[in-house]
Amino acid sequence: MESASLGLAHRAWRLLPAETRRRAMTRVAGLIAGRPDRLPPAASEGIVVAGDIDGAN
């Protein structure tokens, strides 16, 4: 039953115009996304490197 309702929801979603789907997903992502800090962190000396700097690009 769950897969049938999911299929129905998916078909209903696909009936919406692409622009409407894009705007809806953008709005949902905006609601889910974390909010930036009001005050940025204090400036610090030096550099911060994130990720693997030893691997090939």
PDB file of N, CA and C in Angstrom:
ATOM      1  N   MET A   1       0.820  -1.191   0.000  1.00  0.00           N
ATOM      2  CA  MET A   1       0.000   0.000   0.000  1.00  0.00           C
ATOM      3  C   MET A   1       0.864   1.254   0.000  1.00  0.00           C
ATOM      4  N   GLU A   2       1.984   1.235   0.744  1.00  0.00           N
ATOM      5  CA  GLU A   2       2.833   2.413   0.834  1.00  0.00           C
ATOM      6  C   GLU A   2       3.419   2.778  -0.529  1.00  0.00           C
ATOM      7  N   SER A   3       3.865   1.785  -1.286  1.00  0.00           N
ATOM      8  CA  SER A   3       4.448   2.069  -2.594  1.00  0.00           C
ATOM      9  C   SER A   3       3.401   2.606  -3.561  1.00  0.00           C
ATOM     10  N   ALA A   4       2.160   2.149  -3.436  1.00  0.00           N
ATOM     11  CA  ALA A   4       1.095   2.649  -4.303  1.00  0.00           C
ATOM     12  C   ALA A   4       0.815   4.115  -4.010  1.00  0.00           C
ATOM     13  N   SER A   5       0.787   4.490  -2.725  1.00  0.00           N
ATOM     14  CA  SER A   5       0.535   5.889  -2.381  1.00  0.00           C
ATOM     15  C   SER A   5       1.720   6.759  -2.771  1.00  0.00           C
ATOM     16  N   LEU A   6       2.928   6.226  -2.662  1.00  0.00           N
ATOM     17  CA  LEU A   6       4.101   6.972  -3.086  1.00  0.00           C
ATOM     18  C   LEU A   6       4.063   7.189  -4.590  1.00  0.00           C
ATOM     19  N   GLY A   7       3.677   6.184  -5.339  1.00  0.00           N
ATOM     20  CA  GLY A   7       3.561   6.326  -6.782  1.00  0.00           C
ATOM     21  C   GLY A   7       2.517   7.362  -7.158  1.00  0.00           C
ATOM     22  N   LEU A   8       1.417   7.381  -6.437  1.00  0.00           N
ATOM     23  CA  LEU A   8       0.362   8.359  -6.691  1.00  0.00           C
ATOM     24  C   LEU A   8       0.854   9.770  -6.378  1.00  0.00           C
ATOM     25  N   ALA A   9       1.548   9.920  -5.250  1.00  0.00           N
ATOM     26  CA  ALA A   9       2.094  11.231  -4.886  1.00  0.00           C
ATOM     27  C   ALA A   9       3.117  11.690  -5.926  1.00  0.00           C
ATOM     28  N   HIS A  10       3.941  10.772  -6.392  1.00  0.00           N
ATOM     29  CA  HIS A  10       4.946  11.122  -7.397  1.00  0.00           C
ATOM     30  C   HIS A  10       4.283  11.544  -8.699  1.00  0.00           C
ATOM     31  N   ARG A  11       3.265  10.822  -9.107  1.00  0.00           N
ATOM     32  CA  ARG A  11       2.553  11.190 -10.344  1.00  0.00           C
ATOM     33  C   ARG A  11       1.882  12.550 -10.201  1.00  0.00           C
ATOM     34  N   ALA A  12       1.296  12.813  -9.032  1.00  0.00           N
ATOM     35  CA  ALA A  12       0.664  14.116  -8.799  1.00  0.00           C
ATOM     36  C   ALA A  12       1.708  15.229  -8.840  1.00  0.00           C
ATOM     37  N   TRP A  13       2.881  14.961  -8.255  1.00  0.00           N
ATOM     38  CA  TRP A  13       3.977  15.936  -8.268  1.00  0.00           C
ATOM     39  C   TRP A  13       4.408  16.230  -9.696  1.00  0.00           C
ATOM     40  N   ARG A  14       4.519  15.189 -10.511  1.00  0.00           N
ATOM     41  CA  ARG A  14       4.961  15.357 -11.899  1.00  0.00           C
ATOM     42  C   ARG A  14       3.934  16.092 -12.756  1.00  0.00           C
ATOM     43  N   LEU A  15       2.675  16.115 -12.324  1.00  0.00           N
ATOM     44  CA  LEU A  15       1.653  16.853 -13.065  1.00  0.00           C
ATOM     45  C   LEU A  15       1.817  18.364 -12.913  1.00  0.00           C
ATOM     46  N   LEU A  16       2.497  18.792 -11.846  1.00  0.00           N
ATOM     47  CA  LEU A  16       2.739  20.224 -11.659  1.00  0.00           C
ATOM     48  C   LEU A  16       3.748  20.710 -12.690  1.00  0.00           C
ATOM     49  N   PRO A  17       3.637  21.969 -13.110  1.00  0.00           N
ATOM     50  CA  PRO A  17       4.632  22.515 -14.040  1.00  0.00           C
ATOM     51  C   PRO A  17       6.031  22.509 -13.404  1.00  0.00           C
ATOM     52  N   ALA A  18       7.049  22.363 -14.230  1.00  0.00           N
ATOM     53  CA  ALA A  18       8.429  22.270 -13.736  1.00  0.00           C
ATOM     54  C   ALA A  18       8.811  23.490 -12.900  1.00  0.00           C
ATOM     55  N   GLU A  19       8.426  24.669 -13.325  1.00  0.00           N
ATOM     56  CA  GLU A  19       8.776  25.886 -12.579  1.00  0.00           C
ATOM     57  C   GLU A  19       8.145  25.872 -11.184  1.00  0.00           C
ATOM     58  N   THR A  20       6.933  25.411 -11.079  1.00  0.00           N
ATOM     59  CA  THR A  20       6.264  25.310  -9.774  1.00  0.00           C
ATOM     60  C   THR A  20       6.990  24.312  -8.882  1.00  0.00           C
ATOM     61  N   ARG A  21       7.404  23.178  -9.453  1.00  0.00           N
ATOM     62  CA  ARG A  21       8.149  22.183  -8.670  1.00  0.00           C
ATOM     63  C   ARG A  21       9.478  22.756  -8.195  1.00  0.00           C
ATOM     64  N   ARG A  22      10.177  23.476  -9.073  1.00  0.00           N
ATOM     65  CA  ARG A  22      11.463  24.076  -8.690  1.00  0.00           C
ATOM     66  C   ARG A  22      11.284  25.070  -7.545  1.00  0.00           C
ATOM     67  N   ARG A  23      10.286  25.932  -7.664  1.00  0.00           N
ATOM     68  CA  ARG A  23      10.058  26.932  -6.614  1.00  0.00           C
ATOM     69  C   ARG A  23       9.679  26.274  -5.295  1.00  0.00           C
ATOM     70  N   ALA A  24       8.876  25.226  -5.358  1.00  0.00           N
ATOM     71  CA  ALA A  24       8.487  24.516  -4.136  1.00  0.00           C
ATOM     72  C   ALA A  24       9.704  23.880  -3.475  1.00  0.00           C
ATOM     73  N   MET A  25      10.548  23.239  -4.257  1.00  0.00           N
ATOM     74  CA  MET A  25      11.737  22.598  -3.690  1.00  0.00           C
ATOM     75  C   MET A  25      12.711  23.633  -3.134  1.00  0.00           C
ATOM     76  N   THR A  26      12.830  24.783  -3.794  1.00  0.00           N
ATOM     77  CA  THR A  26      13.691  25.852  -3.295  1.00  0.00           C
ATOM     78  C   THR A  26      13.178  26.365  -1.958  1.00  0.00           C
ATOM     79  N   ARG A  27      11.867  26.527  -1.850  1.00  0.00           N
ATOM     80  CA  ARG A  27      11.275  26.999  -0.597  1.00  0.00           C
ATOM     81  C   ARG A  27      11.486  25.977   0.521  1.00  0.00           C
ATOM     82  N   VAL A  28      11.281  24.706   0.222  1.00  0.00           N
ATOM     83  CA  VAL A  28      11.475  23.657   1.232  1.00  0.00           C
ATOM     84  C   VAL A  28      12.936  23.615   1.671  1.00  0.00           C
ATOM     85  N   ALA A  29      13.855  23.704   0.722  1.00  0.00           N
ATOM     86  CA  ALA A  29      15.282  23.690   1.065  1.00  0.00           C
ATOM     87  C   ALA A  29      15.633  24.893   1.933  1.00  0.00           C
ATOM     88  N   GLY A  30      15.049  26.052   1.629  1.00  0.00           N
ATOM     89  CA  GLY A  30      15.297  27.244   2.431  1.00  0.00           C
ATOM     90  C   GLY A  30      14.787  27.105   3.855  1.00  0.00           C
ATOM     91  N   LEU A  31      13.672  26.419   4.023  1.00  0.00           N
ATOM     92  CA  LEU A  31      13.134  26.209   5.368  1.00  0.00           C
ATOM     93  C   LEU A  31      13.979  25.222   6.163  1.00  0.00           C
ATOM     94  N   ILE A  32      14.540  24.230   5.477  1.00  0.00           N
ATOM     95  CA  ILE A  32      15.329  23.198   6.147  1.00  0.00           C
ATOM     96  C   ILE A  32      16.747  23.682   6.460  1.00  0.00           C
ATOM     97  N   ALA A  33      17.301  24.506   5.584  1.00  0.00           N
ATOM     98  CA  ALA A  33      18.702  24.924   5.705  1.00  0.00           C
ATOM     99  C   ALA A  33      18.943  25.683   7.009  1.00  0.00           C
ATOM    100  N   GLY A  34      20.145  25.534   7.525  1.00  0.00           N
ATOM    101  CA  GLY A  34      20.524  26.264   8.726  1.00  0.00           C
ATOM    102  C   GLY A  34      20.669  27.753   8.446  1.00  0.00           C
ATOM    103  N   ARG A  35      20.473  28.544   9.458  1.00  0.00           N
ATOM    104  CA  ARG A  35      20.594  29.989   9.322  1.00  0.00           C
ATOM    105  C   ARG A  35      22.028  30.407   9.638  1.00  0.00           C
ATOM    106  N   PRO A  36      22.550  31.399   8.910  1.00  0.00           N
ATOM    107  CA  PRO A  36      23.908  31.866   9.209  1.00  0.00           C
ATOM    108  C   PRO A  36      23.941  32.607  10.549  1.00  0.00           C
ATOM    109  N   ASP A  37      25.110  32.637  11.162  1.00  0.00           N
ATOM    110  CA  ASP A  37      25.284  33.376  12.412  1.00  0.00           C
ATOM    111  C   ASP A  37      25.060  34.860  12.165  1.00  0.00           C
ATOM    112  N   ARG A  38      24.461  35.537  13.141  1.00  0.00           N
ATOM    113  CA  ARG A  38      24.249  36.978  12.996  1.00  0.00           C
ATOM    114  C   ARG A  38      25.590  37.713  12.967  1.00  0.00           C
ATOM    115  N   LEU A  39      26.477  37.345  13.867  1.00  0.00           N
ATOM    116  CA  LEU A  39      27.795  37.967  13.911  1.00  0.00           C
ATOM    117  C   LEU A  39      28.823  36.956  13.412  1.00  0.00           C
ATOM    118  N   PRO A  40      29.636  37.353  12.449  1.00  0.00           N
ATOM    119  CA  PRO A  40      30.660  36.411  11.976  1.00  0.00           C
ATOM    120  C   PRO A  40      31.698  36.172  13.070  1.00  0.00           C
ATOM    121  N   PRO A  41      32.390  35.055  13.015  1.00  0.00           N
ATOM    122  CA  PRO A  41      33.436  34.800  14.006  1.00  0.00           C
ATOM    123  C   PRO A  41      34.550  35.838  13.894  1.00  0.00           C
ATOM    124  N   ALA A  42      35.226  36.064  14.989  1.00  0.00           N
ATOM    125  CA  ALA A  42      36.319  37.037  15.010  1.00  0.00           C
ATOM    126  C   ALA A  42      37.427  36.603  14.052  1.00  0.00           C
ATOM    127  N   ALA A  43      38.083  37.597  13.465  1.00  0.00           N
ATOM    128  CA  ALA A  43      39.189  37.314  12.548  1.00  0.00           C
ATOM    129  C   ALA A  43      40.328  36.650  13.317  1.00  0.00           C
ATOM    130  N   SER A  44      41.006  35.729  12.661  1.00  0.00           N
ATOM    131  CA  SER A  44      42.122  35.052  13.308  1.00  0.00           C
ATOM    132  C   SER A  44      43.332  35.078  12.382  1.00  0.00           C
ATOM    133  N   GLU A  45      44.474  34.892  12.970  1.00  0.00           N
ATOM    134  CA  GLU A  45      45.716  34.831  12.200  1.00  0.00           C
ATOM    135  C   GLU A  45      45.850  33.439  11.598  1.00  0.00           C
ATOM    136  N   GLY A  46      46.447  33.340  10.444  1.00  0.00           N
ATOM    137  CA  GLY A  46      46.712  32.033   9.857  1.00  0.00           C
ATOM    138  C   GLY A  46      45.671  31.636   8.834  1.00  0.00           C
ATOM    139  N   ILE A  47      45.742  30.365   8.449  1.00  0.00           N
ATOM    140  CA  ILE A  47      44.869  29.837   7.410  1.00  0.00           C
ATOM    141  C   ILE A  47      44.274  28.514   7.877  1.00  0.00           C
ATOM    142  N   VAL A  48      43.076  28.252   7.444  1.00  0.00           N
ATOM    143  CA  VAL A  48      42.416  26.992   7.763  1.00  0.00           C
ATOM    144  C   VAL A  48      42.214  26.242   6.459  1.00  0.00           C
ATOM    145  N   VAL A  49      42.676  24.997   6.408  1.00  0.00           N
ATOM    146  CA  VAL A  49      42.515  24.173   5.216  1.00  0.00           C
ATOM    147  C   VAL A  49      41.607  23.010   5.574  1.00  0.00           C
ATOM    148  N   ALA A  50      40.561  22.841   4.784  1.00  0.00           N
ATOM    149  CA  ALA A  50      39.640  21.733   5.020  1.00  0.00           C
ATOM    150  C   ALA A  50      39.732  20.771   3.849  1.00  0.00           C
ATOM    151  N   GLY A  51      39.770  19.505   4.132  1.00  0.00           N
ATOM    152  CA  GLY A  51      39.807  18.516   3.067  1.00  0.00           C
ATOM    153  C   GLY A  51      41.186  17.919   2.891  1.00  0.00           C
ATOM    154  N   ASP A  52      41.269  17.049   1.923  1.00  0.00           N
ATOM    155  CA  ASP A  52      42.504  16.328   1.637  1.00  0.00           C
ATOM    156  C   ASP A  52      43.368  17.164   0.709  1.00  0.00           C
ATOM    157  N   ILE A  53      44.466  17.707   1.222  1.00  0.00           N
ATOM    158  CA  ILE A  53      45.334  18.529   0.374  1.00  0.00           C
ATOM    159  C   ILE A  53      46.430  17.691  -0.279  1.00  0.00           C
ATOM    160  N   ASP A  54      46.483  16.412   0.067  1.00  0.00           N
ATOM    161  CA  ASP A  54      47.522  15.543  -0.461  1.00  0.00           C
ATOM    162  C   ASP A  54      47.075  14.818  -1.728  1.00  0.00           C
ATOM    163  N   GLY A  55      45.777  14.750  -1.953  1.00  0.00           N
ATOM    164  CA  GLY A  55      45.251  14.000  -3.088  1.00  0.00           C
ATOM    165  C   GLY A  55      45.239  14.814  -4.373  1.00  0.00           C
ATOM    166  N   ALA A  56      45.066  14.128  -5.485  1.00  0.00           N
ATOM    167  CA  ALA A  56      44.993  14.799  -6.784  1.00  0.00           C
ATOM    168  C   ALA A  56      43.630  15.453  -6.950  1.00  0.00           C
ATOM    169  N   ASN A  57      43.609  16.527  -7.709  1.00  0.00           N
ATOM    170  CA  ASN A  57      42.341  17.236  -7.957  1.00  0.00           C
ATOM    171  C   ASN A  57      41.578  16.598  -9.052  1.00  0.00           C
TER     172      ASN A  57
END
